[in-house]
PDB file of all heavy atoms in Angstrom:
ATOM      1  N   MET A   1    -106.907 -85.532 -60.981  1.00  0.00           N
ATOM      2  CA  MET A   1    -108.181 -84.798 -61.269  1.00  0.00           C
ATOM      3  C   MET A   1    -107.993 -83.830 -62.426  1.00  0.00           C
ATOM      4  O   MET A   1    -108.790 -83.718 -63.307  1.00  0.00           O
ATOM      5  CB  MET A   1    -108.560 -84.028 -59.992  1.00  0.00           C
ATOM      6  CG  MET A   1    -109.990 -83.571 -60.049  1.00  0.00           C
ATOM      7  SD  MET A   1    -111.123 -84.929 -59.878  1.00  0.00           S
ATOM      8  CE  MET A   1    -112.665 -84.034 -59.888  1.00  0.00           C
ATOM      9  N   ALA A   2    -106.824 -83.140 -62.444  1.00  0.00           N
ATOM     10  CA  ALA A   2    -106.544 -82.173 -63.568  1.00  0.00           C
ATOM     11  C   ALA A   2    -106.466 -82.909 -64.855  1.00  0.00           C
ATOM     12  O   ALA A   2    -106.946 -82.429 -65.900  1.00  0.00           O
ATOM     13  CB  ALA A   2    -105.269 -81.385 -63.281  1.00  0.00           C
ATOM     14  N   GLN A   3    -105.867 -84.132 -64.856  1.00  0.00           N
ATOM     15  CA  GLN A   3    -105.740 -84.895 -66.028  1.00  0.00           C
ATOM     16  C   GLN A   3    -107.113 -85.292 -66.583  1.00  0.00           C
ATOM     17  O   GLN A   3    -107.358 -85.263 -67.773  1.00  0.00           O
ATOM     18  CB  GLN A   3    -104.896 -86.137 -65.772  1.00  0.00           C
ATOM     19  CG  GLN A   3    -104.584 -86.929 -67.034  1.00  0.00           C
ATOM     20  CD  GLN A   3    -103.720 -88.122 -66.714  1.00  0.00           C
ATOM     21  OE1 GLN A   3    -103.336 -88.355 -65.610  1.00  0.00           O
ATOM     22  NE2 GLN A   3    -103.386 -88.886 -67.727  1.00  0.00           N
ATOM     23  N   SER A   4    -108.061 -85.655 -65.650  1.00  0.00           N
ATOM     24  CA  SER A   4    -109.409 -86.010 -66.057  1.00  0.00           C
ATOM     25  C   SER A   4    -110.102 -84.871 -66.747  1.00  0.00           C
ATOM     26  O   SER A   4    -110.756 -85.032 -67.755  1.00  0.00           O
ATOM     27  CB  SER A   4    -110.213 -86.430 -64.830  1.00  0.00           C
ATOM     28  OG  SER A   4    -111.549 -86.560 -65.152  1.00  0.00           O
ATOM     29  N   LYS A   5    -109.901 -83.666 -66.251  1.00  0.00           N
ATOM     30  CA  LYS A   5    -110.501 -82.449 -66.884  1.00  0.00           C
ATOM     31  C   LYS A   5    -109.959 -82.214 -68.285  1.00  0.00           C
ATOM     32  O   LYS A   5    -110.687 -81.856 -69.188  1.00  0.00           O
ATOM     33  CB  LYS A   5    -110.285 -81.200 -66.026  1.00  0.00           C
ATOM     34  CG  LYS A   5    -111.256 -81.143 -64.901  1.00  0.00           C
ATOM     35  CD  LYS A   5    -111.360 -79.663 -64.430  1.00  0.00           C
ATOM     36  CE  LYS A   5    -112.601 -79.468 -63.545  1.00  0.00           C
ATOM     37  NZ  LYS A   5    -112.905 -78.082 -63.314  1.00  0.00           N
ATOM     38  N   GLU A   6    -108.671 -82.480 -68.451  1.00  0.00           N
ATOM     39  CA  GLU A   6    -108.070 -82.269 -69.800  1.00  0.00           C
ATOM     40  C   GLU A   6    -108.670 -83.275 -70.784  1.00  0.00           C
ATOM     41  O   GLU A   6    -108.848 -82.888 -71.963  1.00  0.00           O
ATOM     42  CB  GLU A   6    -106.507 -82.476 -69.669  1.00  0.00           C
ATOM     43  CG  GLU A   6    -105.813 -81.279 -69.065  1.00  0.00           C
ATOM     44  CD  GLU A   6    -104.367 -81.510 -69.018  1.00  0.00           C
ATOM     45  OE1 GLU A   6    -103.873 -82.439 -69.736  1.00  0.00           O
ATOM     46  OE2 GLU A   6    -103.625 -80.830 -68.305  1.00  0.00           O
ATOM     47  N   VAL A   7    -109.008 -84.437 -70.373  1.00  0.00           N
ATOM     48  CA  VAL A   7    -109.665 -85.403 -71.263  1.00  0.00           C
ATOM     49  C   VAL A   7    -111.048 -84.938 -71.647  1.00  0.00           C
ATOM     50  O   VAL A   7    -111.473 -85.111 -72.760  1.00  0.00           O
ATOM     51  CB  VAL A   7    -109.656 -86.765 -70.548  1.00  0.00           C
ATOM     52  CG1 VAL A   7    -110.499 -87.761 -71.395  1.00  0.00           C
ATOM     53  CG2 VAL A   7    -108.262 -87.295 -70.395  1.00  0.00           C
ATOM     54  N   LYS A   8    -111.755 -84.319 -70.700  1.00  0.00           N
ATOM     55  CA  LYS A   8    -113.121 -84.023 -70.902  1.00  0.00           C
ATOM     56  C   LYS A   8    -113.359 -82.766 -71.726  1.00  0.00           C
ATOM     57  O   LYS A   8    -114.350 -82.605 -72.367  1.00  0.00           O
ATOM     58  CB  LYS A   8    -113.855 -83.838 -69.541  1.00  0.00           C
ATOM     59  CG  LYS A   8    -114.018 -85.161 -68.777  1.00  0.00           C
ATOM     60  CD  LYS A   8    -114.526 -84.902 -67.370  1.00  0.00           C
ATOM     61  CE  LYS A   8    -115.906 -84.225 -67.389  1.00  0.00           C
ATOM     62  NZ  LYS A   8    -116.368 -84.032 -66.011  1.00  0.00           N
ATOM     63  N   THR A   9    -112.433 -81.809 -71.620  1.00  0.00           N
ATOM     64  CA  THR A   9    -112.644 -80.554 -72.303  1.00  0.00           C
ATOM     65  C   THR A   9    -111.471 -80.241 -73.245  1.00  0.00           C
ATOM     66  O   THR A   9    -110.454 -80.875 -73.157  1.00  0.00           O
ATOM     67  CB  THR A   9    -112.766 -79.418 -71.279  1.00  0.00           C
ATOM     68  OG1 THR A   9    -111.562 -79.316 -70.483  1.00  0.00           O
ATOM     69  CG2 THR A   9    -113.971 -79.591 -70.344  1.00  0.00           C
ATOM     70  N   ALA A  10    -111.664 -79.221 -74.087  1.00  0.00           N
ATOM     71  CA  ALA A  10    -110.583 -78.865 -75.068  1.00  0.00           C
ATOM     72  C   ALA A  10    -110.322 -77.399 -74.930  1.00  0.00           C
ATOM     73  O   ALA A  10    -111.221 -76.576 -74.831  1.00  0.00           O
ATOM     74  CB  ALA A  10    -111.094 -79.179 -76.472  1.00  0.00           C
ATOM     75  N   GLY A  11    -109.025 -77.016 -74.948  1.00  0.00           N
ATOM     76  CA  GLY A  11    -108.656 -75.613 -74.864  1.00  0.00           C
ATOM     77  C   GLY A  11    -108.880 -75.088 -73.481  1.00  0.00           C
ATOM     78  O   GLY A  11    -109.076 -75.812 -72.518  1.00  0.00           O
ATOM     79  N   ALA A  12    -108.883 -73.770 -73.363  1.00  0.00           N
ATOM     80  CA  ALA A  12    -109.089 -73.117 -72.140  1.00  0.00           C
ATOM     81  C   ALA A  12    -110.518 -73.240 -71.625  1.00  0.00           C
ATOM     82  O   ALA A  12    -111.456 -72.963 -72.353  1.00  0.00           O
ATOM     83  CB  ALA A  12    -108.717 -71.617 -72.221  1.00  0.00           C
ATOM     84  N   GLU A  13    -110.642 -73.744 -70.405  1.00  0.00           N
ATOM     85  CA  GLU A  13    -111.986 -73.903 -69.802  1.00  0.00           C
ATOM     86  C   GLU A  13    -112.353 -72.581 -69.083  1.00  0.00           C
ATOM     87  O   GLU A  13    -111.539 -72.050 -68.367  1.00  0.00           O
ATOM     88  CB  GLU A  13    -111.972 -75.052 -68.821  1.00  0.00           C
ATOM     89  CG  GLU A  13    -113.334 -75.384 -68.294  1.00  0.00           C
ATOM     90  CD  GLU A  13    -113.301 -76.613 -67.371  1.00  0.00           C
ATOM     91  OE1 GLU A  13    -112.792 -77.652 -67.820  1.00  0.00           O
ATOM     92  OE2 GLU A  13    -113.777 -76.534 -66.262  1.00  0.00           O
ATOM     93  N   ARG A  14    -113.550 -72.080 -69.382  1.00  0.00           N
ATOM     94  CA  ARG A  14    -113.967 -70.782 -68.825  1.00  0.00           C
ATOM     95  C   ARG A  14    -115.363 -70.871 -68.264  1.00  0.00           C
ATOM     96  O   ARG A  14    -116.118 -71.813 -68.535  1.00  0.00           O
ATOM     97  CB  ARG A  14    -113.935 -69.721 -69.903  1.00  0.00           C
ATOM     98  CG  ARG A  14    -112.637 -69.496 -70.643  1.00  0.00           C
ATOM     99  CD  ARG A  14    -112.729 -68.356 -71.617  1.00  0.00           C
ATOM    100  NE  ARG A  14    -112.982 -67.072 -70.915  1.00  0.00           N
ATOM    101  CZ  ARG A  14    -112.049 -66.156 -70.671  1.00  0.00           C
ATOM    102  NH1 ARG A  14    -110.811 -66.380 -70.994  1.00  0.00           N
ATOM    103  NH2 ARG A  14    -112.362 -65.076 -70.077  1.00  0.00           N
ATOM    104  N   GLY A  15    -115.731 -69.837 -67.538  1.00  0.00           N
ATOM    105  CA  GLY A  15    -117.067 -69.685 -67.039  1.00  0.00           C
ATOM    106  C   GLY A  15    -117.974 -69.284 -68.211  1.00  0.00           C
ATOM    107  O   GLY A  15    -117.526 -69.131 -69.338  1.00  0.00           O
ATOM    108  N   LEU A  16    -119.261 -69.030 -67.877  1.00  0.00           N
ATOM    109  CA  LEU A  16    -120.208 -68.725 -68.954  1.00  0.00           C
ATOM    110  C   LEU A  16    -120.544 -67.247 -69.142  1.00  0.00           C
ATOM    111  O   LEU A  16    -121.261 -66.883 -70.037  1.00  0.00           O
ATOM    112  CB  LEU A  16    -121.533 -69.443 -68.659  1.00  0.00           C
ATOM    113  CG  LEU A  16    -121.528 -70.947 -68.832  1.00  0.00           C
ATOM    114  CD1 LEU A  16    -122.931 -71.527 -68.525  1.00  0.00           C
ATOM    115  CD2 LEU A  16    -121.135 -71.366 -70.243  1.00  0.00           C
ATOM    116  N   SER A  17    -119.974 -66.393 -68.325  1.00  0.00           N
ATOM    117  CA  SER A  17    -120.369 -64.952 -68.371  1.00  0.00           C
ATOM    118  C   SER A  17    -120.085 -64.342 -69.700  1.00  0.00           C
ATOM    119  O   SER A  17    -120.958 -63.758 -70.322  1.00  0.00           O
ATOM    120  CB  SER A  17    -119.716 -64.187 -67.234  1.00  0.00           C
ATOM    121  OG  SER A  17    -118.282 -64.282 -67.309  1.00  0.00           O
ATOM    122  N   ARG A  18    -118.879 -64.406 -70.195  1.00  0.00           N
ATOM    123  CA  ARG A  18    -118.550 -63.842 -71.511  1.00  0.00           C
ATOM    124  C   ARG A  18    -119.219 -64.589 -72.620  1.00  0.00           C
ATOM    125  O   ARG A  18    -119.675 -64.000 -73.654  1.00  0.00           O
ATOM    126  CB  ARG A  18    -117.031 -63.815 -71.691  1.00  0.00           C
ATOM    127  CG  ARG A  18    -116.306 -62.892 -70.741  1.00  0.00           C
ATOM    128  CD  ARG A  18    -114.799 -62.807 -71.017  1.00  0.00           C
ATOM    129  NE  ARG A  18    -114.538 -62.189 -72.287  1.00  0.00           N
ATOM    130  CZ  ARG A  18    -113.288 -62.099 -72.802  1.00  0.00           C
ATOM    131  NH1 ARG A  18    -112.264 -62.578 -72.159  1.00  0.00           N
ATOM    132  NH2 ARG A  18    -113.137 -61.558 -73.976  1.00  0.00           N
ATOM    133  N   PHE A  19    -119.335 -65.896 -72.514  1.00  0.00           N
ATOM    134  CA  PHE A  19    -119.968 -66.736 -73.505  1.00  0.00           C
ATOM    135  C   PHE A  19    -121.453 -66.326 -73.662  1.00  0.00           C
ATOM    136  O   PHE A  19    -121.931 -66.104 -74.788  1.00  0.00           O
ATOM    137  CB  PHE A  19    -119.917 -68.215 -73.012  1.00  0.00           C
ATOM    138  CG  PHE A  19    -120.672 -69.217 -73.886  1.00  0.00           C
ATOM    139  CD1 PHE A  19    -120.015 -69.808 -74.949  1.00  0.00           C
ATOM    140  CD2 PHE A  19    -121.983 -69.502 -73.622  1.00  0.00           C
ATOM    141  CE1 PHE A  19    -120.675 -70.722 -75.754  1.00  0.00           C
ATOM    142  CE2 PHE A  19    -122.614 -70.459 -74.428  1.00  0.00           C
ATOM    143  CZ  PHE A  19    -122.012 -71.039 -75.457  1.00  0.00           C
ATOM    144  N   GLU A  20    -122.161 -66.163 -72.555  1.00  0.00           N
ATOM    145  CA  GLU A  20    -123.557 -65.772 -72.626  1.00  0.00           C
ATOM    146  C   GLU A  20    -123.697 -64.308 -73.037  1.00  0.00           C
ATOM    147  O   GLU A  20    -124.615 -63.949 -73.814  1.00  0.00           O
ATOM    148  CB  GLU A  20    -124.237 -65.994 -71.286  1.00  0.00           C
ATOM    149  CG  GLU A  20    -124.375 -67.464 -70.925  1.00  0.00           C
ATOM    150  CD  GLU A  20    -125.164 -67.691 -69.647  1.00  0.00           C
ATOM    151  OE1 GLU A  20    -124.967 -66.851 -68.692  1.00  0.00           O
ATOM    152  OE2 GLU A  20    -125.930 -68.684 -69.562  1.00  0.00           O
ATOM    153  N   GLY A  21    -122.787 -63.461 -72.551  1.00  0.00           N
ATOM    154  CA  GLY A  21    -122.899 -62.017 -72.914  1.00  0.00           C
ATOM    155  C   GLY A  21    -122.693 -61.843 -74.447  1.00  0.00           C
ATOM    156  O   GLY A  21    -123.451 -61.060 -75.046  1.00  0.00           O
ATOM    157  N   PHE A  22    -121.785 -62.550 -75.052  1.00  0.00           N
ATOM    158  CA  PHE A  22    -121.529 -62.389 -76.478  1.00  0.00           C
ATOM    159  C   PHE A  22    -122.783 -62.937 -77.215  1.00  0.00           C
ATOM    160  O   PHE A  22    -123.262 -62.298 -78.180  1.00  0.00           O
ATOM    161  CB  PHE A  22    -120.261 -63.224 -76.898  1.00  0.00           C
ATOM    162  CG  PHE A  22    -120.087 -63.292 -78.407  1.00  0.00           C
ATOM    163  CD1 PHE A  22    -119.584 -62.192 -79.076  1.00  0.00           C
ATOM    164  CD2 PHE A  22    -120.435 -64.425 -79.119  1.00  0.00           C
ATOM    165  CE1 PHE A  22    -119.392 -62.276 -80.444  1.00  0.00           C
ATOM    166  CE2 PHE A  22    -120.206 -64.507 -80.468  1.00  0.00           C
ATOM    167  CZ  PHE A  22    -119.731 -63.438 -81.140  1.00  0.00           C
ATOM    168  N   SER A  23    -123.239 -64.087 -76.809  1.00  0.00           N
ATOM    169  CA  SER A  23    -124.389 -64.692 -77.524  1.00  0.00           C
ATOM    170  C   SER A  23    -125.635 -63.799 -77.399  1.00  0.00           C
ATOM    171  O   SER A  23    -126.378 -63.575 -78.400  1.00  0.00           O
ATOM    172  CB  SER A  23    -124.722 -66.063 -76.939  1.00  0.00           C
ATOM    173  OG  SER A  23    -123.655 -66.966 -77.117  1.00  0.00           O
ATOM    174  N   ASP A  24    -125.821 -63.246 -76.210  1.00  0.00           N
ATOM    175  CA  ASP A  24    -126.994 -62.329 -76.010  1.00  0.00           C
ATOM    176  C   ASP A  24    -126.885 -61.070 -76.891  1.00  0.00           C
ATOM    177  O   ASP A  24    -127.830 -60.604 -77.445  1.00  0.00           O
ATOM    178  CB  ASP A  24    -127.090 -61.911 -74.553  1.00  0.00           C
ATOM    179  CG  ASP A  24    -127.647 -62.981 -73.651  1.00  0.00           C
ATOM    180  OD1 ASP A  24    -128.283 -63.955 -74.177  1.00  0.00           O
ATOM    181  OD2 ASP A  24    -127.483 -62.900 -72.457  1.00  0.00           O
ATOM    182  N   ALA A  25    -125.653 -60.596 -77.052  1.00  0.00           N
ATOM    183  CA  ALA A  25    -125.434 -59.375 -77.896  1.00  0.00           C
ATOM    184  C   ALA A  25    -125.765 -59.725 -79.342  1.00  0.00           C
ATOM    185  O   ALA A  25    -126.364 -58.893 -80.058  1.00  0.00           O
ATOM    186  CB  ALA A  25    -124.005 -58.908 -77.772  1.00  0.00           C
ATOM    187  N   VAL A  26    -125.374 -60.925 -79.846  1.00  0.00           N
ATOM    188  CA  VAL A  26    -125.653 -61.312 -81.229  1.00  0.00           C
ATOM    189  C   VAL A  26    -127.177 -61.394 -81.393  1.00  0.00           C
ATOM    190  O   VAL A  26    -127.749 -60.921 -82.384  1.00  0.00           O
ATOM    191  CB  VAL A  26    -124.977 -62.652 -81.580  1.00  0.00           C
ATOM    192  CG1 VAL A  26    -125.434 -63.116 -82.928  1.00  0.00           C
ATOM    193  CG2 VAL A  26    -123.467 -62.475 -81.531  1.00  0.00           C
ATOM    194  N   PHE A  27    -127.857 -62.056 -80.490  1.00  0.00           N
ATOM    195  CA  PHE A  27    -129.329 -62.154 -80.540  1.00  0.00           C
ATOM    196  C   PHE A  27    -129.896 -60.766 -80.598  1.00  0.00           C
ATOM    197  O   PHE A  27    -130.868 -60.472 -81.366  1.00  0.00           O
ATOM    198  CB  PHE A  27    -129.882 -62.930 -79.322  1.00  0.00           C
ATOM    199  CG  PHE A  27    -129.940 -64.388 -79.528  1.00  0.00           C
ATOM    200  CD1 PHE A  27    -129.008 -65.222 -78.966  1.00  0.00           C
ATOM    201  CD2 PHE A  27    -130.975 -64.982 -80.260  1.00  0.00           C
ATOM    202  CE1 PHE A  27    -129.087 -66.624 -79.141  1.00  0.00           C
ATOM    203  CE2 PHE A  27    -131.028 -66.333 -80.447  1.00  0.00           C
ATOM    204  CZ  PHE A  27    -130.100 -67.179 -79.873  1.00  0.00           C
ATOM    205  N   ALA A  28    -129.476 -59.836 -79.768  1.00  0.00           N
ATOM    206  CA  ALA A  28    -130.047 -58.468 -79.677  1.00  0.00           C
ATOM    207  C   ALA A  28    -129.880 -57.742 -81.001  1.00  0.00           C
ATOM    208  O   ALA A  28    -130.784 -57.084 -81.427  1.00  0.00           O
ATOM    209  CB  ALA A  28    -129.419 -57.679 -78.533  1.00  0.00           C
ATOM    210  N   ILE A  29    -128.664 -57.906 -81.589  1.00  0.00           N
ATOM    211  CA  ILE A  29    -128.438 -57.239 -82.861  1.00  0.00           C
ATOM    212  C   ILE A  29    -129.331 -57.785 -83.996  1.00  0.00           C
ATOM    213  O   ILE A  29    -129.944 -57.040 -84.752  1.00  0.00           O
ATOM    214  CB  ILE A  29    -126.929 -57.400 -83.278  1.00  0.00           C
ATOM    215  CG1 ILE A  29    -126.055 -56.561 -82.300  1.00  0.00           C
ATOM    216  CG2 ILE A  29    -126.689 -56.887 -84.725  1.00  0.00           C
ATOM    217  CD1 ILE A  29    -124.572 -56.855 -82.433  1.00  0.00           C
ATOM    218  N   ILE A  30    -129.439 -59.124 -84.029  1.00  0.00           N
ATOM    219  CA  ILE A  30    -130.282 -59.728 -85.084  1.00  0.00           C
ATOM    220  C   ILE A  30    -131.734 -59.308 -84.895  1.00  0.00           C
ATOM    221  O   ILE A  30    -132.380 -58.975 -85.915  1.00  0.00           O
ATOM    222  CB  ILE A  30    -130.172 -61.273 -84.965  1.00  0.00           C
ATOM    223  CG1 ILE A  30    -128.754 -61.759 -85.326  1.00  0.00           C
ATOM    224  CG2 ILE A  30    -131.143 -61.939 -85.937  1.00  0.00           C
ATOM    225  CD1 ILE A  30    -128.542 -63.209 -84.996  1.00  0.00           C
ATOM    226  N   LEU A  31    -132.235 -59.283 -83.685  1.00  0.00           N
ATOM    227  CA  LEU A  31    -133.624 -58.924 -83.454  1.00  0.00           C
ATOM    228  C   LEU A  31    -133.851 -57.467 -83.788  1.00  0.00           C
ATOM    229  O   LEU A  31    -134.911 -57.105 -84.326  1.00  0.00           O
ATOM    230  CB  LEU A  31    -134.011 -59.205 -82.002  1.00  0.00           C
ATOM    231  CG  LEU A  31    -134.180 -60.636 -81.633  1.00  0.00           C
ATOM    232  CD1 LEU A  31    -134.365 -60.793 -80.082  1.00  0.00           C
ATOM    233  CD2 LEU A  31    -135.362 -61.324 -82.367  1.00  0.00           C
ATOM    234  N   THR A  32    -132.882 -56.576 -83.520  1.00  0.00           N
ATOM    235  CA  THR A  32    -132.986 -55.159 -83.797  1.00  0.00           C
ATOM    236  C   THR A  32    -133.058 -54.951 -85.307  1.00  0.00           C
ATOM    237  O   THR A  32    -133.848 -54.111 -85.802  1.00  0.00           O
ATOM    238  CB  THR A  32    -131.860 -54.387 -83.196  1.00  0.00           C
ATOM    239  OG1 THR A  32    -131.859 -54.608 -81.797  1.00  0.00           O
ATOM    240  CG2 THR A  32    -131.945 -52.902 -83.482  1.00  0.00           C
ATOM    241  N   LEU A  33    -132.193 -55.645 -86.037  1.00  0.00           N
ATOM    242  CA  LEU A  33    -132.108 -55.461 -87.487  1.00  0.00           C
ATOM    243  C   LEU A  33    -133.390 -55.836 -88.234  1.00  0.00           C
ATOM    244  O   LEU A  33    -133.697 -55.378 -89.298  1.00  0.00           O
ATOM    245  CB  LEU A  33    -130.916 -56.226 -88.072  1.00  0.00           C
ATOM    246  CG  LEU A  33    -129.518 -55.701 -87.704  1.00  0.00           C
ATOM    247  CD1 LEU A  33    -128.477 -56.627 -88.285  1.00  0.00           C
ATOM    248  CD2 LEU A  33    -129.328 -54.317 -88.239  1.00  0.00           C
ATOM    249  N   LEU A  34    -134.187 -56.723 -87.582  1.00  0.00           N
ATOM    250  CA  LEU A  34    -135.461 -57.114 -88.206  1.00  0.00           C
ATOM    251  C   LEU A  34    -136.357 -55.938 -88.483  1.00  0.00           C
ATOM    252  O   LEU A  34    -137.039 -55.836 -89.473  1.00  0.00           O
ATOM    253  CB  LEU A  34    -136.179 -58.132 -87.300  1.00  0.00           C
ATOM    254  CG  LEU A  34    -135.483 -59.468 -87.086  1.00  0.00           C
ATOM    255  CD1 LEU A  34    -136.367 -60.323 -86.136  1.00  0.00           C
ATOM    256  CD2 LEU A  34    -135.243 -60.205 -88.348  1.00  0.00           C
ATOM    257  N   PHE A  35    -136.379 -55.014 -87.513  1.00  0.00           N
ATOM    258  CA  PHE A  35    -137.257 -53.796 -87.619  1.00  0.00           C
ATOM    259  C   PHE A  35    -136.774 -52.831 -88.675  1.00  0.00           C
ATOM    260  O   PHE A  35    -137.486 -52.103 -89.312  1.00  0.00           O
ATOM    261  CB  PHE A  35    -137.391 -53.161 -86.267  1.00  0.00           C
ATOM    262  CG  PHE A  35    -138.089 -54.049 -85.261  1.00  0.00           C
ATOM    263  CD1 PHE A  35    -137.351 -54.866 -84.393  1.00  0.00           C
ATOM    264  CD2 PHE A  35    -139.461 -54.000 -85.152  1.00  0.00           C
ATOM    265  CE1 PHE A  35    -138.016 -55.673 -83.511  1.00  0.00           C
ATOM    266  CE2 PHE A  35    -140.140 -54.799 -84.225  1.00  0.00           C
ATOM    267  CZ  PHE A  35    -139.391 -55.667 -83.416  1.00  0.00           C
ATOM    268  N   VAL A  36    -135.417 -52.786 -88.830  1.00  0.00           N
ATOM    269  CA  VAL A  36    -134.820 -51.885 -89.797  1.00  0.00           C
ATOM    270  C   VAL A  36    -135.133 -52.267 -91.197  1.00  0.00           C
ATOM    271  O   VAL A  36    -135.242 -51.421 -92.127  1.00  0.00           O
ATOM    272  CB  VAL A  36    -133.262 -51.858 -89.615  1.00  0.00           C
ATOM    273  CG1 VAL A  36    -132.629 -50.938 -90.629  1.00  0.00           C
ATOM    274  CG2 VAL A  36    -132.929 -51.432 -88.234  1.00  0.00           C
ATOM    275  N   GLU A  37    -135.444 -53.574 -91.467  1.00  0.00           N
ATOM    276  CA  GLU A  37    -135.809 -54.071 -92.806  1.00  0.00           C
ATOM    277  C   GLU A  37    -137.121 -53.463 -93.338  1.00  0.00           C
ATOM    278  O   GLU A  37    -137.298 -53.398 -94.555  1.00  0.00           O
ATOM    279  CB  GLU A  37    -135.870 -55.568 -92.761  1.00  0.00           C
ATOM    280  CG  GLU A  37    -134.527 -56.266 -92.586  1.00  0.00           C
ATOM    281  CD  GLU A  37    -133.623 -56.093 -93.789  1.00  0.00           C
ATOM    282  OE1 GLU A  37    -134.085 -55.883 -94.902  1.00  0.00           O
ATOM    283  OE2 GLU A  37    -132.351 -56.075 -93.602  1.00  0.00           O
ATOM    284  N   ILE A  38    -138.037 -53.105 -92.459  1.00  0.00           N
ATOM    285  CA  ILE A  38    -139.303 -52.568 -92.910  1.00  0.00           C
ATOM    286  C   ILE A  38    -139.170 -51.088 -93.200  1.00  0.00           C
ATOM    287  O   ILE A  38    -138.877 -50.283 -92.382  1.00  0.00           O
ATOM    288  CB  ILE A  38    -140.388 -52.810 -91.844  1.00  0.00           C
ATOM    289  CG1 ILE A  38    -140.567 -54.292 -91.518  1.00  0.00           C
ATOM    290  CG2 ILE A  38    -141.748 -52.207 -92.304  1.00  0.00           C
ATOM    291  CD1 ILE A  38    -141.655 -54.589 -90.535  1.00  0.00           C
ATOM    292  N   LYS A  39    -139.348 -50.751 -94.482  1.00  0.00           N
ATOM    293  CA  LYS A  39    -139.232 -49.400 -94.923  1.00  0.00           C
ATOM    294  C   LYS A  39    -140.638 -48.682 -94.930  1.00  0.00           C
ATOM    295  O   LYS A  39    -141.579 -49.144 -95.611  1.00  0.00           O
ATOM    296  CB  LYS A  39    -138.666 -49.334 -96.336  1.00  0.00           C
ATOM    297  CG  LYS A  39    -137.391 -50.143 -96.499  1.00  0.00           C
ATOM    298  CD  LYS A  39    -136.295 -49.716 -95.506  1.00  0.00           C
ATOM    299  CE  LYS A  39    -135.052 -50.528 -95.696  1.00  0.00           C
ATOM    300  NZ  LYS A  39    -134.028 -50.218 -94.656  1.00  0.00           N
ATOM    301  N   VAL A  40    -140.759 -47.642 -94.205  1.00  0.00           N
ATOM    302  CA  VAL A  40    -142.046 -46.948 -94.053  1.00  0.00           C
ATOM    303  C   VAL A  40    -142.428 -46.297 -95.385  1.00  0.00           C
ATOM    304  O   VAL A  40    -141.613 -45.680 -96.072  1.00  0.00           O
ATOM    305  CB  VAL A  40    -141.915 -45.876 -92.913  1.00  0.00           C
ATOM    306  CG1 VAL A  40    -143.268 -45.088 -92.793  1.00  0.00           C
ATOM    307  CG2 VAL A  40    -141.564 -46.530 -91.615  1.00  0.00           C
ATOM    308  N   PRO A  41    -143.712 -46.384 -95.786  1.00  0.00           N
ATOM    309  CA  PRO A  41    -144.135 -45.643 -96.990  1.00  0.00           C
ATOM    310  C   PRO A  41    -143.800 -44.168 -96.907  1.00  0.00           C
ATOM    311  O   PRO A  41    -143.993 -43.517 -95.913  1.00  0.00           O
ATOM    312  CB  PRO A  41    -145.612 -45.862 -96.984  1.00  0.00           C
ATOM    313  CG  PRO A  41    -145.836 -47.125 -96.231  1.00  0.00           C
ATOM    314  CD  PRO A  41    -144.796 -47.112 -95.143  1.00  0.00           C
ATOM    315  N   GLY A  42    -143.194 -43.712 -97.982  1.00  0.00           N
ATOM    316  CA  GLY A  42    -142.746 -42.277 -98.076  1.00  0.00           C
ATOM    317  C   GLY A  42    -141.339 -42.098 -97.672  1.00  0.00           C
ATOM    318  O   GLY A  42    -140.795 -41.032 -97.949  1.00  0.00           O
TER     319      GLY A  42
END
């Protein structure tokens, strides 16, 4: 069974918590920076 998993995946197999947390943080930063781009008159 372990050998089958090695064939199916590459490198260390992990859960999704850190994967999703990092991706969500990148999305949040990108969305936040959109508002910074608009310079208020004055």
